[in-house]
Amino acid sequence: MQVEISELDYCKVCIKYIGDAEDVKAKRQWVDKEMSKTWEVPGFRKGRASAEVVRMTYPKEVEGHLKQEMLTKAYEDSIIDKNIRPFGGPQVISTTLDGNNFKAEFSVHTLPEFDLKKYKGFEIPKPAIEINEEELMQKILQETRIQHAESVPYAEEDFIQQGDKVVMQYNSFLGEEELADLSSEGTLLEVGKINLPGFDEQILGMKPNEERKFTLHTPVDFSDKYGDKDLQFSVKLMTGSKVVPAALDDELAKKMGSVDYAALEQEARVAAATRIQSIENAHYQDQIGKILVAEHDFKVPEWISGPEAQVQAKMQKKSWDEMNEEDKITLTKYSEDAIKLSLVLAKIQEDCPECQLTEEELIDTAKKNILQFTDNADEAMKDLQSKGQLSSLLTRVKDEHTLNFIISQSKIVE
């Protein structure tokens, strides 16, 4: 075989390939044999027609199949012969097959070449986490109480607090004019989620049948008719209910699937420790990522960063075509850094045996990640594969494993 390579653009090469006649002949025999097994020929049972008969019956199809097989071989031979690191498959320019003579010309996108810098022995500052393990555990328990809270109607001495649901009678005025569309004989409101700023604060502490009057200045965007106005309100609390959190006892623990309250508390403590560890680990990964990106100075090709930036825009539910140039530049820079980090991590994985995962370890880790969101990891993996998203997940798993290894080789400083 003969392989000639020339540079078309940054990270894009053109390859001209001439195959050996003996390779073409051997591949032709393989194609004949394979097609004779599966292609149906009139007058023959499936798989019974000889290779010669199949070739005579389907000459164009046989040559087309042979061309494709030789193109695949040309691509693989060229990658190995010229030590190319491809990104994606070949873009075919031309192929010719004349007897046992095969020629092909195609272009290939390649990964950027760069020298691997230091990736061990970093000093990483410990993050300043505003909440400690004990406080977070108590917060988790309080969230659990709220999840299993009961709604209790107001008693005579109860008064409005944040989170209560109340039925209010209210009338609003703009000067002397009563505003019918901002008045009600009885509307259910959730205190803390009323869409007029300041309204919640004005009704806090009210008891059943109590009346109040107050004035609020509305925001400009409150409504087309009543924005940026001083509105007067006259309100009366008809009734209401308050959320009473569940007691921290064995009964709550059993609702959560725990043996007793002591077990529930221990589970909350473990969850708090895990969450804090996760926050710390995310901080360390971010710090290492920034160091690696800064230390490796190479250009990310636009044909990688451009599409990735548009994917990121879609994930943020933004239209790329409607974004302003400043936001596009910001998102493109973010995508370039993410791609650069992934390329650096891939090279570290090649350089460092400890950073490598076996195929079995990779799949097992991916499934563990998926099990955080679904009970059927195998089905989820199949779904990701059908959507072409499985390779992205596996790459993230590899990258996270590598980052965690680098963390283990770094010094955490206070």
Protein backbone atom coordinates (compact mmCIF):
# COMPACT_ATOMS: atom_id res chain seq x y z
CA MET A 1 0.00 0.00 0.00
CA GLN A 2 1.00 3.64 -0.45
CA VAL A 3 -0.16 6.43 1.84
CA GLU A 4 0.41 10.14 1.20
CA ILE A 5 -0.71 12.73 3.74
CA SER A 6 -0.98 16.52 3.41
CA GLU A 7 -2.37 19.21 5.71
CA LEU A 8 -5.57 20.89 4.55
CA ASP A 9 -6.19 23.04 7.62
CA TYR A 10 -5.49 23.11 11.35
CA CYS A 11 -6.28 19.58 12.59
CA LYS A 12 -7.48 18.44 9.17
CA VAL A 13 -5.45 16.31 6.73
CA CYS A 14 -5.93 14.87 3.26
CA ILE A 15 -4.97 11.24 2.69
CA LYS A 16 -4.26 9.62 -0.69
CA TYR A 17 -4.23 5.83 -0.52
CA ILE A 18 -3.27 3.17 -3.07
CA GLY A 19 -4.06 -0.39 -2.02
CA ASP A 20 -1.98 -3.50 -2.75
CA ALA A 21 -3.48 -5.71 -5.44
CA GLU A 22 -3.17 -8.77 -3.21
CA ASP A 23 -5.12 -7.01 -0.44
CA VAL A 24 -7.89 -6.11 -2.90
CA LYS A 25 -7.99 -9.68 -4.19
CA ALA A 26 -8.23 -11.10 -0.65
CA LYS A 27 -10.93 -8.61 0.31
CA ARG A 28 -12.86 -9.44 -2.87
CA GLN A 29 -12.86 -13.13 -1.95
CA TRP A 30 -14.11 -12.26 1.55
CA VAL A 31 -16.91 -10.08 0.17
CA ASP A 32 -17.95 -12.81 -2.29
CA LYS A 33 -18.10 -15.36 0.51
CA GLU A 34 -20.04 -13.12 2.89
CA MET A 35 -22.58 -12.04 0.29
CA SER A 36 -23.16 -15.59 -0.87
CA LYS A 37 -24.29 -16.42 2.68
CA THR A 38 -27.02 -13.79 2.90
CA TRP A 39 -28.04 -12.56 -0.56
CA GLU A 40 -30.95 -14.35 -2.25
CA VAL A 41 -30.54 -15.46 -5.87
CA PRO A 42 -33.55 -16.56 -7.97
CA GLY A 43 -33.59 -20.35 -8.36
CA PHE A 44 -31.41 -20.97 -5.31
CA ARG A 45 -32.21 -21.39 -1.65
CA LYS A 46 -30.83 -18.65 0.55
CA GLY A 47 -27.12 -19.16 1.15
CA ARG A 48 -26.84 -21.93 -1.51
CA ALA A 49 -25.76 -19.86 -4.51
CA SER A 50 -22.03 -19.83 -5.23
CA ALA A 51 -19.96 -16.66 -4.94
CA GLU A 52 -19.60 -16.59 -8.73
CA VAL A 53 -23.39 -16.71 -9.21
CA VAL A 54 -23.95 -13.95 -6.64
CA ARG A 55 -21.30 -11.82 -8.37
CA MET A 56 -22.95 -12.34 -11.76
CA THR A 57 -26.43 -11.57 -10.35
CA TYR A 58 -25.46 -8.50 -8.34
CA PRO A 59 -22.31 -7.07 -10.00
CA LYS A 60 -22.87 -3.45 -8.92
CA GLU A 61 -23.75 -4.42 -5.36
CA VAL A 62 -20.67 -6.63 -5.02
CA GLU A 63 -18.37 -3.88 -6.32
CA GLY A 64 -20.05 -1.33 -4.05
CA HIS A 65 -19.60 -3.58 -1.02
CA LEU A 66 -15.97 -4.21 -1.97
CA LYS A 67 -15.35 -0.48 -2.37
CA GLN A 68 -16.74 0.20 1.09
CA GLU A 69 -14.65 -2.56 2.66
CA MET A 70 -11.50 -1.26 0.97
CA LEU A 71 -12.29 2.28 2.07
CA THR A 72 -12.55 1.07 5.67
CA LYS A 73 -9.22 -0.73 5.27
CA ALA A 74 -7.66 2.39 3.69
CA TYR A 75 -8.77 4.50 6.64
CA GLU A 76 -7.50 2.00 9.24
CA ASP A 77 -4.19 1.42 7.41
CA SER A 78 -3.58 5.18 7.07
CA ILE A 79 -4.32 5.89 10.72
CA ILE A 80 -1.82 3.26 11.83
CA ASP A 81 0.83 3.99 9.17
CA LYS A 82 0.90 7.76 9.76
CA ASN A 83 0.15 7.61 13.51
CA ILE A 84 -2.91 9.84 13.13
CA ARG A 85 -5.19 10.62 16.08
CA PRO A 86 -8.54 10.96 14.29
CA PHE A 87 -11.66 12.75 15.46
CA GLY A 88 -14.63 11.09 13.79
CA GLY A 89 -14.64 9.16 10.54
CA PRO A 90 -13.25 10.00 7.09
CA GLN A 91 -14.87 12.40 4.64
CA VAL A 92 -14.58 10.70 1.25
CA ILE A 93 -13.36 12.77 -1.69
CA SER A 94 -13.04 9.97 -4.28
CA THR A 95 -12.67 6.20 -4.63
CA THR A 96 -11.82 4.14 -7.71
CA LEU A 97 -11.82 0.37 -8.13
CA ASP A 98 -10.49 -1.13 -11.37
CA GLY A 99 -10.04 -4.87 -11.11
CA ASN A 100 -7.66 -5.37 -8.21
CA ASN A 101 -6.49 -1.74 -8.28
CA PHE A 102 -7.98 0.46 -5.57
CA LYS A 103 -7.38 4.16 -4.92
CA ALA A 104 -9.01 6.48 -2.40
CA GLU A 105 -8.73 10.10 -1.35
CA PHE A 106 -10.35 11.31 1.86
CA SER A 107 -9.96 13.94 4.56
CA VAL A 108 -9.75 13.29 8.29
CA HIS A 109 -10.17 15.62 11.25
CA THR A 110 -7.41 15.07 13.79
CA LEU A 111 -7.02 15.86 17.46
CA PRO A 112 -4.65 18.71 18.38
CA GLU A 113 -1.08 17.72 19.16
CA PHE A 114 0.42 19.04 22.40
CA ASP A 115 2.99 18.13 25.05
CA LEU A 116 1.59 16.82 28.31
CA LYS A 117 2.51 19.03 31.25
CA LYS A 118 2.67 18.27 34.98
CA TYR A 119 -0.48 16.65 36.34
CA LYS A 120 0.59 15.42 39.79
CA GLY A 121 1.49 17.12 43.05
CA PHE A 122 -0.79 20.16 42.86
CA GLU A 123 -1.63 22.23 45.94
CA ILE A 124 -5.38 22.85 46.09
CA PRO A 125 -7.08 25.16 48.60
CA LYS A 126 -9.81 23.61 50.70
CA PRO A 127 -13.21 25.17 49.92
CA ALA A 128 -14.95 27.43 52.43
CA ILE A 129 -18.23 25.60 53.00
CA GLU A 130 -20.78 27.73 54.84
CA ILE A 131 -22.50 24.82 56.57
CA ASN A 132 -20.90 22.02 58.60
CA GLU A 133 -21.92 18.37 58.74
CA GLU A 134 -24.03 18.71 61.89
CA GLU A 135 -25.93 21.73 60.55
CA LEU A 136 -26.54 20.03 57.22
CA MET A 137 -27.80 16.90 58.98
CA GLN A 138 -30.32 19.01 60.93
CA LYS A 139 -31.37 20.71 57.69
CA ILE A 140 -31.97 17.33 56.04
CA LEU A 141 -34.08 16.21 59.00
CA GLN A 142 -36.10 19.45 58.83
CA GLU A 143 -36.67 18.91 55.10
CA THR A 144 -37.91 15.42 55.93
CA ARG A 145 -40.32 16.87 58.50
CA ILE A 146 -41.69 19.29 55.88
CA GLN A 147 -42.10 16.52 53.31
CA HIS A 148 -44.39 14.68 55.73
CA ALA A 149 -46.06 17.74 57.21
CA GLU A 150 -49.79 18.02 57.78
CA SER A 151 -52.03 20.96 56.87
CA VAL A 152 -53.99 22.06 59.96
CA PRO A 153 -56.85 24.65 59.86
CA TYR A 154 -56.33 27.86 61.83
CA ALA A 155 -57.45 27.86 65.45
CA GLU A 156 -58.83 31.06 67.00
CA GLU A 157 -55.43 32.30 68.19
CA ASP A 158 -53.41 31.31 65.09
CA PHE A 159 -51.94 34.06 62.90
CA ILE A 160 -50.43 34.28 59.42
CA GLN A 161 -46.85 33.03 59.02
CA GLN A 162 -44.67 32.29 56.00
CA GLY A 163 -45.79 29.14 54.18
CA ASP A 164 -49.40 29.31 55.39
CA LYS A 165 -52.26 29.02 52.93
CA VAL A 166 -54.94 31.66 53.52
CA VAL A 167 -58.27 32.74 52.07
CA MET A 168 -58.27 36.53 51.78
CA GLN A 169 -60.96 39.03 50.89
CA TYR A 170 -59.29 42.09 49.43
CA ASN A 171 -60.11 45.28 47.56
CA SER A 172 -57.62 47.48 45.77
CA PHE A 173 -57.79 51.15 44.82
CA LEU A 174 -55.89 53.56 42.60
CA GLY A 175 -56.66 56.82 44.24
CA GLU A 176 -60.46 56.88 44.65
CA GLU A 177 -61.05 54.29 41.89
CA GLU A 178 -61.69 50.71 42.99
CA LEU A 179 -59.93 48.18 40.76
CA ALA A 180 -62.34 45.32 40.14
CA ASP A 181 -59.67 43.13 38.46
CA LEU A 182 -57.45 43.44 41.55
CA SER A 183 -60.20 42.72 44.09
CA SER A 184 -61.68 39.45 45.30
CA GLU A 185 -64.33 38.16 47.68
CA GLY A 186 -62.19 35.18 48.57
CA THR A 187 -58.93 33.96 47.02
CA LEU A 188 -56.60 31.21 48.21
CA LEU A 189 -53.05 32.55 48.60
CA GLU A 190 -49.81 30.92 49.72
CA VAL A 191 -47.90 33.30 51.94
CA GLY A 192 -44.39 33.82 50.62
CA LYS A 193 -45.41 33.19 47.00
CA ILE A 194 -47.75 36.12 46.35
CA ASN A 195 -46.64 37.80 43.12
CA LEU A 196 -46.89 41.40 44.38
CA PRO A 197 -43.72 42.36 46.29
CA GLY A 198 -44.49 43.51 49.83
CA PHE A 199 -47.98 41.99 50.04
CA ASP A 200 -46.76 38.99 52.06
CA GLU A 201 -45.03 41.17 54.64
CA GLN A 202 -48.12 43.36 55.11
CA ILE A 203 -50.37 40.44 56.07
CA LEU A 204 -48.00 38.59 58.39
CA GLY A 205 -49.42 38.24 61.90
CA MET A 206 -53.08 38.70 60.90
CA LYS A 207 -55.65 36.59 62.74
CA PRO A 208 -58.96 35.22 61.38
CA ASN A 209 -61.49 38.02 60.63
CA GLU A 210 -58.85 40.72 61.16
CA GLU A 211 -58.81 43.59 58.64
CA ARG A 212 -55.90 45.76 57.48
CA LYS A 213 -55.27 48.62 55.08
CA PHE A 214 -51.93 49.43 53.45
CA THR A 215 -50.36 51.00 50.35
CA LEU A 216 -47.86 49.30 48.01
CA HIS A 217 -45.85 50.71 45.12
CA THR A 218 -46.00 48.20 42.28
CA PRO A 219 -42.96 47.24 40.16
CA VAL A 220 -42.79 48.59 36.60
CA ASP A 221 -43.33 45.10 35.18
CA PHE A 222 -46.23 44.21 37.52
CA SER A 223 -48.73 44.76 34.69
CA ASP A 224 -49.30 47.03 31.71
CA LYS A 225 -52.15 48.82 33.52
CA TYR A 226 -50.90 48.97 37.10
CA GLY A 227 -47.13 48.91 36.90
CA ASP A 228 -45.20 51.65 38.76
CA LYS A 229 -48.31 52.77 40.70
CA ASP A 230 -49.24 53.40 44.34
CA LEU A 231 -52.11 51.02 45.08
CA GLN A 232 -54.15 50.98 48.27
CA PHE A 233 -55.38 47.67 49.66
CA SER A 234 -58.09 46.77 52.14
CA VAL A 235 -57.79 43.11 53.20
CA LYS A 236 -59.59 40.72 55.52
CA LEU A 237 -58.42 37.26 56.57
CA MET A 238 -61.31 34.81 56.18
CA THR A 239 -59.58 31.58 57.16
CA GLY A 240 -56.37 29.71 56.67
CA SER A 241 -54.27 26.65 57.39
CA LYS A 242 -50.70 26.17 58.47
CA VAL A 243 -48.22 23.47 57.69
CA VAL A 244 -47.27 21.53 60.81
CA PRO A 245 -44.01 19.60 60.26
CA ALA A 246 -44.00 15.95 61.30
CA ALA A 247 -42.49 15.13 64.67
CA LEU A 248 -38.97 13.73 64.72
CA ASP A 249 -39.88 10.33 66.10
CA ASP A 250 -40.01 6.63 65.29
CA GLU A 251 -43.26 7.06 63.34
CA LEU A 252 -41.60 9.47 60.89
CA ALA A 253 -38.60 7.16 60.66
CA LYS A 254 -40.82 4.23 59.64
CA LYS A 255 -42.51 6.36 56.99
CA MET A 256 -39.03 6.94 55.57
CA GLY A 257 -38.23 3.22 55.64
CA SER A 258 -35.96 3.34 58.70
CA VAL A 259 -36.16 1.08 61.75
CA ASP A 260 -36.43 3.92 64.27
CA TYR A 261 -35.52 7.59 64.75
CA ALA A 262 -31.92 6.78 65.72
CA ALA A 263 -31.46 4.98 62.40
CA LEU A 264 -33.08 7.89 60.51
CA GLU A 265 -30.74 10.35 62.21
CA GLN A 266 -27.71 8.22 61.27
CA GLU A 267 -28.89 8.06 57.65
CA ALA A 268 -29.24 11.86 57.64
CA ARG A 269 -25.72 12.17 59.08
CA VAL A 270 -24.30 9.92 56.34
CA ALA A 271 -26.22 11.88 53.69
CA ALA A 272 -24.84 15.16 55.08
CA ALA A 273 -21.27 13.83 55.06
CA THR A 274 -21.70 12.55 51.51
CA ARG A 275 -23.13 15.88 50.33
CA ILE A 276 -20.28 17.88 51.88
CA GLN A 277 -17.73 15.48 50.41
CA SER A 278 -19.41 15.91 47.03
CA ILE A 279 -19.21 19.70 47.33
CA GLU A 280 -15.54 19.51 48.28
CA ASN A 281 -14.76 17.07 45.46
CA ALA A 282 -16.52 19.28 42.90
CA HIS A 283 -14.39 22.20 44.11
CA TYR A 284 -11.17 20.19 43.78
CA GLN A 285 -12.13 18.96 40.30
CA ASP A 286 -12.90 22.54 39.24
CA GLN A 287 -9.56 23.80 40.56
CA ILE A 288 -7.58 21.03 38.86
CA GLY A 289 -9.51 21.55 35.62
CA LYS A 290 -8.61 25.25 35.60
CA ILE A 291 -4.93 24.47 36.24
CA LEU A 292 -4.75 21.87 33.47
CA VAL A 293 -6.48 24.15 30.95
CA ALA A 294 -4.17 27.07 31.82
CA GLU A 295 -1.02 24.92 31.63
CA HIS A 296 -1.77 23.42 28.19
CA ASP A 297 -1.59 26.10 25.53
CA PHE A 298 -3.06 24.77 22.29
CA LYS A 299 -5.90 25.81 20.02
CA VAL A 300 -9.20 23.91 20.03
CA PRO A 301 -10.46 23.54 16.43
CA GLU A 302 -13.60 25.56 15.66
CA TRP A 303 -15.31 22.52 14.13
CA ILE A 304 -15.30 21.00 17.66
CA SER A 305 -15.96 24.08 19.81
CA GLY A 306 -18.64 25.60 17.55
CA PRO A 307 -21.09 22.67 17.61
CA GLU A 308 -20.40 22.10 21.32
CA ALA A 309 -21.27 25.72 22.12
CA GLN A 310 -24.58 25.31 20.30
CA VAL A 311 -25.29 22.11 22.25
CA GLN A 312 -24.60 24.00 25.49
CA ALA A 313 -26.99 26.76 24.40
CA LYS A 314 -29.69 24.17 23.74
CA MET A 315 -29.13 22.59 27.16
CA GLN A 316 -29.66 26.05 28.69
CA LYS A 317 -32.88 26.35 26.65
CA LYS A 318 -31.51 29.23 24.60
CA SER A 319 -31.71 29.78 20.86
CA TRP A 320 -28.20 30.12 19.41
CA ASP A 321 -29.48 32.25 16.50
CA GLU A 322 -31.18 34.68 18.92
CA MET A 323 -28.23 35.02 21.33
CA ASN A 324 -26.18 38.23 21.26
CA GLU A 325 -22.52 38.08 20.24
CA GLU A 326 -21.21 38.59 23.77
CA ASP A 327 -23.15 35.58 25.07
CA LYS A 328 -22.01 33.49 22.08
CA ILE A 329 -18.37 34.36 22.78
CA THR A 330 -18.78 33.48 26.47
CA LEU A 331 -20.42 30.13 25.69
CA THR A 332 -17.82 29.32 23.01
CA LYS A 333 -14.98 30.04 25.45
CA TYR A 334 -16.65 27.79 28.04
CA SER A 335 -16.96 25.02 25.43
CA GLU A 336 -13.33 25.43 24.30
CA ASP A 337 -12.11 25.07 27.90
CA ALA A 338 -14.30 22.00 28.48
CA ILE A 339 -13.03 20.35 25.27
CA LYS A 340 -9.42 21.25 26.05
CA LEU A 341 -9.75 19.71 29.51
CA SER A 342 -11.24 16.52 28.07
CA LEU A 343 -8.39 16.26 25.52
CA VAL A 344 -5.77 16.79 28.26
CA LEU A 345 -7.43 14.17 30.48
CA ALA A 346 -7.49 11.72 27.55
CA LYS A 347 -3.73 12.17 27.13
CA ILE A 348 -3.19 11.70 30.88
CA GLN A 349 -5.16 8.45 30.64
CA GLU A 350 -2.76 7.27 27.93
CA ASP A 351 0.26 8.28 30.02
CA CYS A 352 -0.90 6.99 33.42
CA PRO A 353 -1.96 3.35 33.98
CA GLU A 354 -3.62 4.26 37.30
CA CYS A 355 -5.97 6.60 35.42
CA GLN A 356 -7.27 3.87 33.16
CA LEU A 357 -10.47 1.88 33.70
CA THR A 358 -11.09 -1.57 32.29
CA GLU A 359 -14.15 -1.96 30.08
CA GLU A 360 -15.95 -3.75 32.92
CA GLU A 361 -15.04 -1.04 35.47
CA LEU A 362 -16.17 1.67 33.04
CA ILE A 363 -19.60 0.09 32.48
CA ASP A 364 -20.09 -0.67 36.19
CA THR A 365 -19.26 2.93 37.16
CA ALA A 366 -21.59 4.29 34.49
CA LYS A 367 -24.42 2.10 35.77
CA LYS A 368 -23.84 3.27 39.35
CA ASN A 369 -24.16 6.87 38.16
CA ILE A 370 -27.36 6.07 36.27
CA LEU A 371 -28.88 4.29 39.29
CA GLN A 372 -29.04 7.67 41.03
CA PHE A 373 -31.83 8.60 38.60
CA THR A 374 -33.51 5.33 37.64
CA ASP A 375 -33.99 1.79 38.94
CA ASN A 376 -33.20 0.12 35.61
CA ALA A 377 -29.65 0.97 34.59
CA ASP A 378 -29.53 -1.55 31.73
CA GLU A 379 -32.59 -0.06 30.02
CA ALA A 380 -31.24 3.46 30.53
CA MET A 381 -27.91 2.43 28.97
CA LYS A 382 -29.71 0.97 25.94
CA ASP A 383 -31.74 4.16 25.58
CA LEU A 384 -28.60 6.32 25.72
CA GLN A 385 -26.94 4.11 23.12
CA SER A 386 -29.93 4.35 20.77
CA LYS A 387 -29.77 8.17 21.06
CA GLY A 388 -26.01 8.25 20.46
CA GLN A 389 -25.36 9.63 23.96
CA LEU A 390 -23.68 6.64 25.62
CA SER A 391 -20.16 7.52 24.44
CA SER A 392 -20.49 10.98 26.03
CA LEU A 393 -21.50 9.40 29.35
CA LEU A 394 -18.56 6.97 29.25
CA THR A 395 -16.15 9.82 28.44
CA ARG A 396 -17.43 11.76 31.46
CA VAL A 397 -16.93 8.68 33.65
CA LYS A 398 -13.33 8.33 32.42
CA ASP A 399 -12.64 12.03 32.95
CA GLU A 400 -14.07 12.03 36.47
CA HIS A 401 -12.00 8.97 37.37
CA THR A 402 -8.87 10.73 36.12
CA LEU A 403 -9.68 13.94 38.01
CA ASN A 404 -10.22 11.95 41.20
CA PHE A 405 -6.85 10.26 40.72
CA ILE A 406 -5.18 13.67 40.33
CA ILE A 407 -6.94 14.84 43.51
CA SER A 408 -5.48 11.83 45.33
CA GLN A 409 -2.01 12.89 44.17
CA SER A 410 -2.50 16.52 45.25
CA LYS A 411 -2.04 18.31 48.57
CA ILE A 412 -5.12 19.91 50.11
CA VAL A 413 -4.17 23.13 51.91
CA GLU A 414 -6.26 25.08 54.42
